[in-house]
Amino acid sequence: MSVSWHSGLLRGDPAPPGTPTVLKWGGSLFARPSWPADLRTLLATTASPTTLVVGGGPLVDGLRMIDRAHPGSPAAFHWLAIDAMGLTARLVAAEIGLPVTAFPAAHDVVILDVPAWLRGASCHSDLPAGWEVTSDSIAATVARSRHAALLLAKSMAPPSVGGDLDLLAAADWVDRHFPVAARTLTTIGWTVPVGA
């Protein structure tokens, strides 16, 4: 049985056709055995050009566990988590056959090599190095740099707080830096899988 996606808007109206989209694929979605088919279904309904930012999922969860047991440098763990996002991006690329690139999409659909993009981009200088930044804020930063719409694919719908980004961050639905990273975005949407 194929999955369907339930979606909504946190800010703005649906983006006009042809508007670039940054799709953040939440790492928690890797817990679904059907995640490759789920992602293909979602991409088929997302307007191009689309840049896919893949969360670190269980790999980053493992780094958090290590840091809790023996706290280390926030900057070191930040970059280890970003490197983990590079691994999950390559996993997704191998599974669904999309290219991984250090540059957001100009046409079609690409998976962003987040470590390479962050190390080469000048527009991310406001991102703190610590656990307050996750793939949520990174995707928002990519969208801001491209004047793109942002679509957050997550395993749970947002809490009923409207589009208040500060309240969403306080509820841990997005990371703590997200309200800053997304401050100038015109369109922010969300989507969650429904069905098996």
N, C-alpha and C. Protein backbone atom coordinates (compact mmCIF):
# COMPACT_ATOMS: atom_id res chain seq x y z
N MET A 1 0.85 -1.18 0.00
CA MET A 1 0.00 0.00 0.00
C MET A 1 0.89 1.24 0.00
N SER A 2 0.62 2.16 -0.88
CA SER A 2 1.46 3.35 -0.97
C SER A 2 1.04 4.38 0.07
N VAL A 3 2.00 5.16 0.48
CA VAL A 3 1.76 6.18 1.49
C VAL A 3 1.16 7.42 0.83
N SER A 4 0.37 8.14 1.59
CA SER A 4 -0.04 9.47 1.16
C SER A 4 0.55 10.45 2.16
N TRP A 5 0.53 11.71 1.80
CA TRP A 5 1.15 12.74 2.63
C TRP A 5 0.10 13.76 3.03
N HIS A 6 0.04 14.06 4.32
CA HIS A 6 -0.84 15.10 4.85
C HIS A 6 0.01 16.35 5.03
N SER A 7 -0.43 17.47 4.47
CA SER A 7 0.40 18.67 4.44
C SER A 7 -0.34 19.90 4.92
N GLY A 8 0.43 20.91 5.29
CA GLY A 8 -0.13 22.19 5.69
C GLY A 8 0.93 23.28 5.57
N LEU A 9 0.51 24.49 5.87
CA LEU A 9 1.41 25.64 5.79
C LEU A 9 1.63 26.24 7.17
N LEU A 10 2.88 26.57 7.47
CA LEU A 10 3.20 27.32 8.69
C LEU A 10 3.26 28.81 8.40
N ARG A 11 3.61 29.15 7.15
CA ARG A 11 3.72 30.56 6.78
C ARG A 11 3.47 30.70 5.28
N GLY A 12 2.75 31.77 4.93
CA GLY A 12 2.59 32.13 3.54
C GLY A 12 1.55 31.30 2.80
N ASP A 13 1.56 31.46 1.49
CA ASP A 13 0.69 30.73 0.59
C ASP A 13 1.52 29.72 -0.18
N PRO A 14 0.85 28.76 -0.83
CA PRO A 14 1.63 27.84 -1.66
C PRO A 14 2.48 28.62 -2.67
N ALA A 15 3.70 28.16 -2.87
CA ALA A 15 4.61 28.86 -3.78
C ALA A 15 4.11 28.73 -5.22
N PRO A 16 4.27 29.77 -6.02
CA PRO A 16 3.87 29.69 -7.42
C PRO A 16 4.69 28.63 -8.16
N PRO A 17 4.13 28.06 -9.25
CA PRO A 17 4.88 27.08 -10.04
C PRO A 17 6.23 27.64 -10.47
N GLY A 18 7.23 26.79 -10.45
CA GLY A 18 8.57 27.20 -10.85
C GLY A 18 9.41 27.76 -9.73
N THR A 19 8.79 28.01 -8.56
CA THR A 19 9.56 28.49 -7.40
C THR A 19 10.45 27.37 -6.89
N PRO A 20 11.73 27.62 -6.66
CA PRO A 20 12.58 26.56 -6.09
C PRO A 20 12.04 26.12 -4.73
N THR A 21 12.21 24.84 -4.45
CA THR A 21 11.77 24.27 -3.18
C THR A 21 12.94 23.57 -2.51
N VAL A 22 13.08 23.79 -1.21
CA VAL A 22 14.00 23.01 -0.40
C VAL A 22 13.15 22.06 0.43
N LEU A 23 13.35 20.78 0.23
CA LEU A 23 12.62 19.74 0.95
C LEU A 23 13.54 19.14 2.00
N LYS A 24 13.19 19.35 3.25
CA LYS A 24 13.97 18.76 4.35
C LYS A 24 13.35 17.41 4.70
N TRP A 25 14.13 16.34 4.52
CA TRP A 25 13.68 14.98 4.84
C TRP A 25 14.16 14.65 6.24
N GLY A 26 13.23 14.62 7.19
CA GLY A 26 13.60 14.39 8.58
C GLY A 26 14.19 13.02 8.81
N GLY A 27 15.26 12.97 9.59
CA GLY A 27 15.94 11.71 9.87
C GLY A 27 15.06 10.68 10.55
N SER A 28 14.03 11.13 11.29
CA SER A 28 13.13 10.17 11.95
C SER A 28 12.36 9.33 10.93
N LEU A 29 12.24 9.81 9.70
CA LEU A 29 11.50 9.06 8.67
C LEU A 29 12.25 7.81 8.23
N PHE A 30 13.54 7.71 8.55
CA PHE A 30 14.29 6.50 8.21
C PHE A 30 13.80 5.29 9.02
N ALA A 31 13.07 5.51 10.10
CA ALA A 31 12.54 4.40 10.90
C ALA A 31 11.40 3.68 10.18
N ARG A 32 10.87 4.27 9.12
CA ARG A 32 9.78 3.64 8.35
C ARG A 32 10.39 2.69 7.32
N PRO A 33 10.03 1.41 7.36
CA PRO A 33 10.58 0.48 6.36
C PRO A 33 10.30 0.92 4.92
N SER A 34 9.23 1.66 4.73
CA SER A 34 8.84 2.09 3.38
C SER A 34 9.44 3.44 2.99
N TRP A 35 10.47 3.90 3.71
CA TRP A 35 10.94 5.27 3.47
C TRP A 35 11.35 5.54 2.02
N PRO A 36 11.99 4.61 1.29
CA PRO A 36 12.34 4.96 -0.10
C PRO A 36 11.10 5.23 -0.96
N ALA A 37 10.09 4.37 -0.83
CA ALA A 37 8.85 4.58 -1.59
C ALA A 37 8.14 5.84 -1.12
N ASP A 38 8.17 6.08 0.19
CA ASP A 38 7.54 7.30 0.73
C ASP A 38 8.18 8.55 0.12
N LEU A 39 9.51 8.55 0.06
CA LEU A 39 10.21 9.71 -0.47
C LEU A 39 9.93 9.88 -1.97
N ARG A 40 9.92 8.78 -2.71
CA ARG A 40 9.60 8.87 -4.14
C ARG A 40 8.22 9.48 -4.36
N THR A 41 7.24 9.04 -3.55
CA THR A 41 5.88 9.57 -3.66
C THR A 41 5.86 11.07 -3.38
N LEU A 42 6.58 11.48 -2.34
CA LEU A 42 6.61 12.90 -1.99
C LEU A 42 7.28 13.72 -3.08
N LEU A 43 8.40 13.24 -3.58
CA LEU A 43 9.11 13.98 -4.64
C LEU A 43 8.27 14.11 -5.90
N ALA A 44 7.43 13.11 -6.18
CA ALA A 44 6.59 13.15 -7.38
C ALA A 44 5.55 14.27 -7.30
N THR A 45 5.25 14.72 -6.09
CA THR A 45 4.25 15.78 -5.93
C THR A 45 4.86 17.13 -5.57
N THR A 46 6.20 17.19 -5.52
CA THR A 46 6.89 18.43 -5.15
C THR A 46 7.39 19.11 -6.42
N ALA A 47 7.13 20.41 -6.53
CA ALA A 47 7.52 21.14 -7.73
C ALA A 47 9.03 21.23 -7.86
N SER A 48 9.51 21.18 -9.09
CA SER A 48 10.95 21.37 -9.37
C SER A 48 11.21 22.84 -9.64
N PRO A 49 12.43 23.31 -9.43
CA PRO A 49 13.58 22.55 -8.94
C PRO A 49 13.50 22.32 -7.43
N THR A 50 13.93 21.14 -7.02
CA THR A 50 13.89 20.77 -5.61
C THR A 50 15.28 20.38 -5.13
N THR A 51 15.67 20.96 -4.00
CA THR A 51 16.90 20.57 -3.31
C THR A 51 16.50 19.80 -2.07
N LEU A 52 16.96 18.57 -1.98
CA LEU A 52 16.63 17.70 -0.85
C LEU A 52 17.74 17.79 0.19
N VAL A 53 17.37 18.19 1.41
CA VAL A 53 18.29 18.23 2.55
C VAL A 53 17.90 17.07 3.46
N VAL A 54 18.81 16.12 3.63
CA VAL A 54 18.51 14.88 4.36
C VAL A 54 19.04 15.00 5.79
N GLY A 55 18.15 14.76 6.75
CA GLY A 55 18.55 14.78 8.15
C GLY A 55 19.45 13.60 8.50
N GLY A 56 20.11 13.69 9.63
CA GLY A 56 21.08 12.67 10.04
C GLY A 56 20.48 11.46 10.72
N GLY A 57 19.25 11.59 11.22
CA GLY A 57 18.55 10.45 11.80
C GLY A 57 19.32 9.74 12.89
N PRO A 58 19.31 8.38 12.85
CA PRO A 58 19.93 7.60 13.92
C PRO A 58 21.43 7.83 14.06
N LEU A 59 22.09 8.23 12.98
CA LEU A 59 23.53 8.50 13.09
C LEU A 59 23.79 9.68 14.01
N VAL A 60 22.99 10.73 13.86
CA VAL A 60 23.14 11.90 14.73
C VAL A 60 22.65 11.59 16.13
N ASP A 61 21.60 10.77 16.24
CA ASP A 61 21.13 10.36 17.58
C ASP A 61 22.25 9.67 18.34
N GLY A 62 23.05 8.85 17.64
CA GLY A 62 24.19 8.19 18.29
C GLY A 62 25.22 9.19 18.77
N LEU A 63 25.48 10.23 17.97
CA LEU A 63 26.42 11.27 18.40
C LEU A 63 25.90 12.01 19.63
N ARG A 64 24.60 12.28 19.66
CA ARG A 64 24.01 12.93 20.85
C ARG A 64 24.22 12.06 22.09
N MET A 65 24.02 10.76 21.95
CA MET A 65 24.20 9.84 23.07
C MET A 65 25.65 9.88 23.56
N ILE A 66 26.60 9.88 22.64
CA ILE A 66 28.01 9.94 23.02
C ILE A 66 28.31 11.26 23.74
N ASP A 67 27.76 12.35 23.22
CA ASP A 67 28.01 13.66 23.84
C ASP A 67 27.40 13.75 25.23
N ARG A 68 26.22 13.13 25.43
CA ARG A 68 25.61 13.13 26.76
C ARG A 68 26.48 12.34 27.75
N ALA A 69 27.03 11.21 27.28
CA ALA A 69 27.83 10.37 28.17
C ALA A 69 29.17 11.01 28.52
N HIS A 70 29.77 11.69 27.53
CA HIS A 70 31.07 12.32 27.75
C HIS A 70 31.10 13.61 26.91
N PRO A 71 30.58 14.71 27.48
CA PRO A 71 30.45 15.94 26.70
C PRO A 71 31.78 16.40 26.10
N GLY A 72 31.67 16.82 24.84
CA GLY A 72 32.84 17.31 24.13
C GLY A 72 32.61 18.70 23.58
N SER A 73 33.45 19.10 22.68
CA SER A 73 33.36 20.41 22.06
C SER A 73 32.08 20.53 21.24
N PRO A 74 31.26 21.57 21.50
CA PRO A 74 30.04 21.75 20.68
C PRO A 74 30.35 21.86 19.20
N ALA A 75 31.43 22.55 18.85
CA ALA A 75 31.78 22.71 17.43
C ALA A 75 32.17 21.36 16.83
N ALA A 76 32.91 20.54 17.58
CA ALA A 76 33.32 19.24 17.06
C ALA A 76 32.11 18.35 16.81
N PHE A 77 31.18 18.31 17.76
CA PHE A 77 29.99 17.48 17.57
C PHE A 77 29.10 18.05 16.47
N HIS A 78 29.05 19.36 16.34
CA HIS A 78 28.28 20.00 15.26
C HIS A 78 28.76 19.49 13.91
N TRP A 79 30.07 19.50 13.70
CA TRP A 79 30.59 19.09 12.39
C TRP A 79 30.53 17.58 12.20
N LEU A 80 30.62 16.80 13.27
CA LEU A 80 30.41 15.36 13.14
C LEU A 80 28.97 15.07 12.71
N ALA A 81 28.01 15.81 13.29
CA ALA A 81 26.60 15.63 12.91
C ALA A 81 26.39 16.02 11.45
N ILE A 82 27.03 17.08 11.01
CA ILE A 82 26.92 17.50 9.61
C ILE A 82 27.53 16.44 8.70
N ASP A 83 28.67 15.87 9.10
CA ASP A 83 29.26 14.78 8.32
C ASP A 83 28.31 13.59 8.25
N ALA A 84 27.59 13.31 9.34
CA ALA A 84 26.60 12.23 9.33
C ALA A 84 25.50 12.52 8.31
N MET A 85 25.13 13.79 8.17
CA MET A 85 24.13 14.15 7.15
C MET A 85 24.65 13.84 5.75
N GLY A 86 25.96 13.95 5.56
CA GLY A 86 26.54 13.56 4.27
C GLY A 86 26.38 12.08 4.01
N LEU A 87 26.50 11.27 5.07
CA LEU A 87 26.32 9.82 4.91
C LEU A 87 24.88 9.47 4.57
N THR A 88 23.93 10.08 5.28
CA THR A 88 22.52 9.77 4.98
C THR A 88 22.13 10.29 3.60
N ALA A 89 22.73 11.40 3.17
CA ALA A 89 22.46 11.89 1.82
C ALA A 89 22.91 10.87 0.78
N ARG A 90 24.08 10.28 0.99
CA ARG A 90 24.57 9.27 0.04
C ARG A 90 23.73 8.00 0.08
N LEU A 91 23.23 7.65 1.27
CA LEU A 91 22.32 6.51 1.40
C LEU A 91 21.07 6.74 0.57
N VAL A 92 20.48 7.92 0.70
CA VAL A 92 19.27 8.24 -0.06
C VAL A 92 19.57 8.25 -1.55
N ALA A 93 20.69 8.82 -1.93
CA ALA A 93 21.06 8.88 -3.35
C ALA A 93 21.17 7.48 -3.93
N ALA A 94 21.81 6.56 -3.20
CA ALA A 94 21.96 5.19 -3.69
C ALA A 94 20.61 4.49 -3.81
N GLU A 95 19.71 4.80 -2.89
CA GLU A 95 18.42 4.11 -2.85
C GLU A 95 17.45 4.62 -3.91
N ILE A 96 17.44 5.93 -4.15
CA ILE A 96 16.43 6.45 -5.08
C ILE A 96 17.02 7.02 -6.37
N GLY A 97 18.34 6.97 -6.51
CA GLY A 97 18.95 7.31 -7.79
C GLY A 97 18.97 8.78 -8.15
N LEU A 98 19.23 9.63 -7.17
CA LEU A 98 19.36 11.06 -7.43
C LEU A 98 20.81 11.49 -7.22
N PRO A 99 21.25 12.54 -7.91
CA PRO A 99 22.63 13.00 -7.73
C PRO A 99 22.80 13.75 -6.41
N VAL A 100 24.00 13.62 -5.84
CA VAL A 100 24.39 14.40 -4.66
C VAL A 100 25.32 15.50 -5.16
N THR A 101 25.03 16.73 -4.75
CA THR A 101 25.79 17.87 -5.25
C THR A 101 26.03 18.87 -4.13
N ALA A 102 27.10 19.65 -4.27
CA ALA A 102 27.41 20.70 -3.28
C ALA A 102 26.63 21.97 -3.56
N PHE A 103 25.79 21.97 -4.59
CA PHE A 103 25.05 23.17 -4.97
C PHE A 103 23.55 22.87 -5.01
N PRO A 104 22.72 23.79 -4.49
CA PRO A 104 21.27 23.61 -4.59
C PRO A 104 20.83 23.51 -6.05
N ALA A 105 19.65 22.92 -6.24
CA ALA A 105 19.15 22.62 -7.58
C ALA A 105 18.83 23.89 -8.36
N ALA A 106 19.29 23.92 -9.60
CA ALA A 106 18.87 24.96 -10.54
C ALA A 106 17.73 24.41 -11.40
N HIS A 107 17.75 23.10 -11.64
CA HIS A 107 16.71 22.40 -12.41
C HIS A 107 16.54 21.03 -11.76
N ASP A 108 15.41 20.43 -12.00
CA ASP A 108 15.15 19.06 -11.56
C ASP A 108 15.27 18.89 -10.05
N VAL A 109 15.79 17.72 -9.62
CA VAL A 109 15.87 17.38 -8.20
C VAL A 109 17.28 16.92 -7.89
N VAL A 110 17.86 17.46 -6.81
CA VAL A 110 19.18 17.02 -6.36
C VAL A 110 19.15 16.83 -4.85
N ILE A 111 20.09 16.03 -4.36
CA ILE A 111 20.31 15.88 -2.93
C ILE A 111 21.52 16.74 -2.58
N LEU A 112 21.35 17.61 -1.60
CA LEU A 112 22.44 18.51 -1.23
C LEU A 112 23.47 17.79 -0.37
N ASP A 113 24.73 17.92 -0.76
CA ASP A 113 25.84 17.46 0.07
C ASP A 113 26.06 18.57 1.10
N VAL A 114 25.39 18.44 2.23
CA VAL A 114 25.39 19.51 3.23
C VAL A 114 26.79 19.84 3.74
N PRO A 115 27.63 18.83 4.06
CA PRO A 115 28.98 19.20 4.52
C PRO A 115 29.74 20.04 3.49
N ALA A 116 29.66 19.65 2.22
CA ALA A 116 30.37 20.41 1.18
C ALA A 116 29.76 21.80 1.01
N TRP A 117 28.43 21.89 1.05
CA TRP A 117 27.77 23.18 0.87
C TRP A 117 28.13 24.13 2.02
N LEU A 118 28.07 23.63 3.24
CA LEU A 118 28.37 24.49 4.39
C LEU A 118 29.82 24.93 4.41
N ARG A 119 30.71 24.06 3.99
CA ARG A 119 32.13 24.44 4.00
C ARG A 119 32.45 25.42 2.87
N GLY A 120 31.59 25.48 1.84
CA GLY A 120 31.87 26.37 0.72
C GLY A 120 30.99 27.60 0.65
N ALA A 121 29.88 27.61 1.39
CA ALA A 121 28.93 28.72 1.28
C ALA A 121 29.29 29.84 2.25
N SER A 122 29.08 31.06 1.81
CA SER A 122 29.31 32.21 2.70
C SER A 122 28.03 32.64 3.39
N CYS A 123 26.89 32.10 2.94
CA CYS A 123 25.61 32.57 3.46
C CYS A 123 25.18 31.86 4.73
N HIS A 124 25.99 30.98 5.27
CA HIS A 124 25.61 30.25 6.47
C HIS A 124 26.35 30.75 7.71
N SER A 125 26.99 31.90 7.61
CA SER A 125 27.85 32.36 8.70
C SER A 125 27.09 32.63 9.99
N ASP A 126 25.76 32.74 9.92
CA ASP A 126 24.99 33.00 11.13
C ASP A 126 24.55 31.71 11.83
N LEU A 127 24.96 30.54 11.32
CA LEU A 127 24.58 29.29 11.96
C LEU A 127 25.50 29.00 13.15
N PRO A 128 24.96 28.90 14.36
CA PRO A 128 25.80 28.53 15.50
C PRO A 128 26.29 27.09 15.35
N ALA A 129 27.38 26.77 16.01
CA ALA A 129 27.92 25.42 16.00
C ALA A 129 27.53 24.75 17.30
N GLY A 130 26.45 23.98 17.28
CA GLY A 130 25.98 23.30 18.47
C GLY A 130 24.69 22.56 18.20
N TRP A 131 24.15 21.91 19.23
CA TRP A 131 22.95 21.09 19.07
C TRP A 131 21.71 21.93 18.81
N GLU A 132 21.77 23.26 18.99
CA GLU A 132 20.59 24.07 18.70
C GLU A 132 20.34 24.19 17.20
N VAL A 133 21.29 23.70 16.39
CA VAL A 133 21.14 23.68 14.93
C VAL A 133 21.05 22.24 14.46
N THR A 134 19.96 21.93 13.73
CA THR A 134 19.80 20.61 13.12
C THR A 134 19.53 20.83 11.64
N SER A 135 19.12 19.76 10.98
CA SER A 135 18.80 19.87 9.55
C SER A 135 17.65 20.83 9.30
N ASP A 136 16.81 21.11 10.32
CA ASP A 136 15.74 22.11 10.16
C ASP A 136 16.34 23.47 9.80
N SER A 137 17.25 23.95 10.64
CA SER A 137 17.85 25.27 10.40
C SER A 137 18.74 25.27 9.17
N ILE A 138 19.41 24.16 8.92
CA ILE A 138 20.25 24.09 7.73
C ILE A 138 19.39 24.19 6.48
N ALA A 139 18.28 23.46 6.45
CA ALA A 139 17.38 23.54 5.29
C ALA A 139 16.81 24.95 5.14
N ALA A 140 16.46 25.59 6.25
CA ALA A 140 15.95 26.97 6.18
C ALA A 140 17.02 27.91 5.63
N THR A 141 18.27 27.69 6.01
CA THR A 141 19.37 28.52 5.51
C THR A 141 19.57 28.32 4.01
N VAL A 142 19.47 27.06 3.56
CA VAL A 142 19.56 26.79 2.12
C VAL A 142 18.41 27.49 1.39
N ALA A 143 17.20 27.36 1.92
CA ALA A 143 16.04 28.00 1.29
C ALA A 143 16.21 29.51 1.23
N ARG A 144 16.72 30.09 2.31
CA ARG A 144 16.93 31.54 2.34
C ARG A 144 17.94 31.95 1.28
N SER A 145 18.98 31.16 1.09
CA SER A 145 20.02 31.51 0.13
C SER A 145 19.52 31.41 -1.31
N ARG A 146 18.47 30.62 -1.53
CA ARG A 146 17.94 30.38 -2.87
C ARG A 146 16.62 31.11 -3.13
N HIS A 147 16.14 31.87 -2.14
CA HIS A 147 14.81 32.50 -2.25
C HIS A 147 13.77 31.43 -2.58
N ALA A 148 13.86 30.32 -1.86
CA ALA A 148 13.06 29.14 -2.13
C ALA A 148 11.98 28.95 -1.07
N ALA A 149 10.96 28.17 -1.43
CA ALA A 149 9.99 27.70 -0.46
C ALA A 149 10.63 26.57 0.34
N LEU A 150 10.22 26.41 1.59
CA LEU A 150 10.74 25.35 2.45
C LEU A 150 9.60 24.40 2.79
N LEU A 151 9.85 23.10 2.61
CA LEU A 151 8.88 22.07 2.98
C LEU A 151 9.57 21.12 3.95
N LEU A 152 9.02 21.00 5.16
CA LEU A 152 9.58 20.15 6.21
C LEU A 152 8.83 18.82 6.24
N ALA A 153 9.49 17.74 5.83
CA ALA A 153 8.90 16.40 5.90
C ALA A 153 9.35 15.76 7.21
N LYS A 154 8.36 15.48 8.05
CA LYS A 154 8.66 14.95 9.38
C LYS A 154 7.74 13.77 9.67
N SER A 155 8.02 13.08 10.77
CA SER A 155 7.20 11.92 11.12
C SER A 155 5.96 12.32 11.92
N MET A 156 5.94 13.54 12.46
CA MET A 156 4.78 14.00 13.24
C MET A 156 4.37 15.39 12.77
N ALA A 157 3.05 15.62 12.75
CA ALA A 157 2.53 16.94 12.39
C ALA A 157 2.91 17.94 13.48
N PRO A 158 2.95 19.23 13.13
CA PRO A 158 3.30 20.22 14.14
C PRO A 158 2.22 20.32 15.21
N PRO A 159 2.60 20.72 16.42
CA PRO A 159 1.59 20.95 17.46
C PRO A 159 0.71 22.12 17.05
N SER A 160 -0.44 22.22 17.68
CA SER A 160 -1.42 23.24 17.31
C SER A 160 -1.03 24.60 17.88
N VAL A 161 -0.01 25.21 17.30
CA VAL A 161 0.43 26.53 17.74
C VAL A 161 0.42 27.51 16.57
N GLY A 162 -0.32 27.15 15.52
CA GLY A 162 -0.34 28.01 14.34
C GLY A 162 1.03 28.02 13.69
N GLY A 163 1.40 29.16 13.14
CA GLY A 163 2.69 29.28 12.49
C GLY A 163 3.74 29.96 13.35
N ASP A 164 3.55 29.96 14.67
CA ASP A 164 4.49 30.62 15.57
C ASP A 164 5.76 29.78 15.68
N LEU A 165 6.81 30.22 15.01
CA LEU A 165 8.04 29.43 14.96
C LEU A 165 8.71 29.32 16.31
N ASP A 166 8.59 30.35 17.14
CA ASP A 166 9.18 30.27 18.49
C ASP A 166 8.50 29.18 19.32
N LEU A 167 7.17 29.08 19.20
CA LEU A 167 6.45 28.05 19.94
C LEU A 167 6.77 26.66 19.39
N LEU A 168 6.95 26.55 18.08
CA LEU A 168 7.33 25.26 17.49
C LEU A 168 8.71 24.83 17.97
N ALA A 169 9.62 25.79 18.11
CA ALA A 169 10.95 25.48 18.64
C ALA A 169 10.86 25.09 20.11
N ALA A 170 10.04 25.81 20.89
CA ALA A 170 9.87 25.49 22.31
C ALA A 170 9.28 24.09 22.50
N ALA A 171 8.46 23.65 21.54
CA ALA A 171 7.86 22.31 21.59
C ALA A 171 8.78 21.24 21.01
N ASP A 172 10.00 21.63 20.59
CA ASP A 172 10.97 20.71 19.99
C ASP A 172 10.50 20.10 18.68
N TRP A 173 9.57 20.77 17.99
CA TRP A 173 9.16 20.27 16.67
C TRP A 173 10.18 20.71 15.61
N VAL A 174 10.78 21.87 15.81
CA VAL A 174 11.94 22.33 15.04
C VAL A 174 13.04 22.66 16.04
N ASP A 175 14.24 22.86 15.54
CA ASP A 175 15.34 23.16 16.46
C ASP A 175 15.25 24.59 16.98
N ARG A 176 16.04 24.89 17.99
CA ARG A 176 15.95 26.19 18.67
C ARG A 176 16.39 27.35 17.81
N HIS A 177 17.25 27.11 16.82
CA HIS A 177 17.71 28.20 15.96
C HIS A 177 16.77 28.46 14.78
N PHE A 178 15.84 27.56 14.54
CA PHE A 178 14.99 27.65 13.36
C PHE A 178 14.25 28.99 13.22
N PRO A 179 13.69 29.55 14.29
CA PRO A 179 13.01 30.85 14.11
C PRO A 179 13.92 31.93 13.53
N VAL A 180 15.20 31.89 13.85
CA VAL A 180 16.16 32.85 13.29
C VAL A 180 16.49 32.48 11.85
N ALA A 181 16.78 31.19 11.62
CA ALA A 181 17.18 30.75 10.28
C ALA A 181 16.07 30.96 9.26
N ALA A 182 14.80 30.84 9.70
CA ALA A 182 13.66 30.93 8.78
C ALA A 182 13.00 32.30 8.76
N ARG A 183 13.61 33.28 9.42
CA ARG A 183 12.94 34.56 9.65
C ARG A 183 12.47 35.25 8.37
N THR A 184 13.18 35.13 7.26
CA THR A 184 12.80 35.86 6.04
C THR A 184 12.12 34.97 5.01
N LEU A 185 11.88 33.71 5.33
CA LEU A 185 11.24 32.82 4.35
C LEU A 185 9.78 33.20 4.16
N THR A 186 9.35 33.21 2.92
CA THR A 186 7.98 33.58 2.59
C THR A 186 7.02 32.41 2.74
N THR A 187 7.46 31.22 2.31
CA THR A 187 6.61 30.03 2.34
C THR A 187 7.30 28.92 3.11
N ILE A 188 6.66 28.46 4.18
CA ILE A 188 7.14 27.31 4.96
C ILE A 188 5.98 26.34 5.09
N GLY A 189 6.16 25.15 4.56
CA GLY A 189 5.14 24.12 4.66
C GLY A 189 5.64 22.92 5.45
N TRP A 190 4.72 22.03 5.78
CA TRP A 190 5.07 20.79 6.47
C TRP A 190 4.29 19.65 5.83
N THR A 191 4.82 18.45 5.99
CA THR A 191 4.13 17.28 5.48
C THR A 191 4.52 16.07 6.31
N VAL A 192 3.56 15.16 6.52
CA VAL A 192 3.80 13.94 7.28
C VAL A 192 3.17 12.77 6.53
N PRO A 193 3.78 11.58 6.65
CA PRO A 193 3.21 10.43 5.94
C PRO A 193 1.97 9.91 6.65
N VAL A 194 1.02 9.45 5.86
CA VAL A 194 -0.23 8.86 6.38
C VAL A 194 -0.39 7.53 5.67
N GLY A 195 -0.56 6.47 6.41
CA GLY A 195 -0.75 5.15 5.81
C GLY A 195 0.49 4.29 5.96
N ALA A 196 0.36 3.04 5.50
CA ALA A 196 1.45 2.07 5.65
C ALA A 196 2.52 2.25 4.61
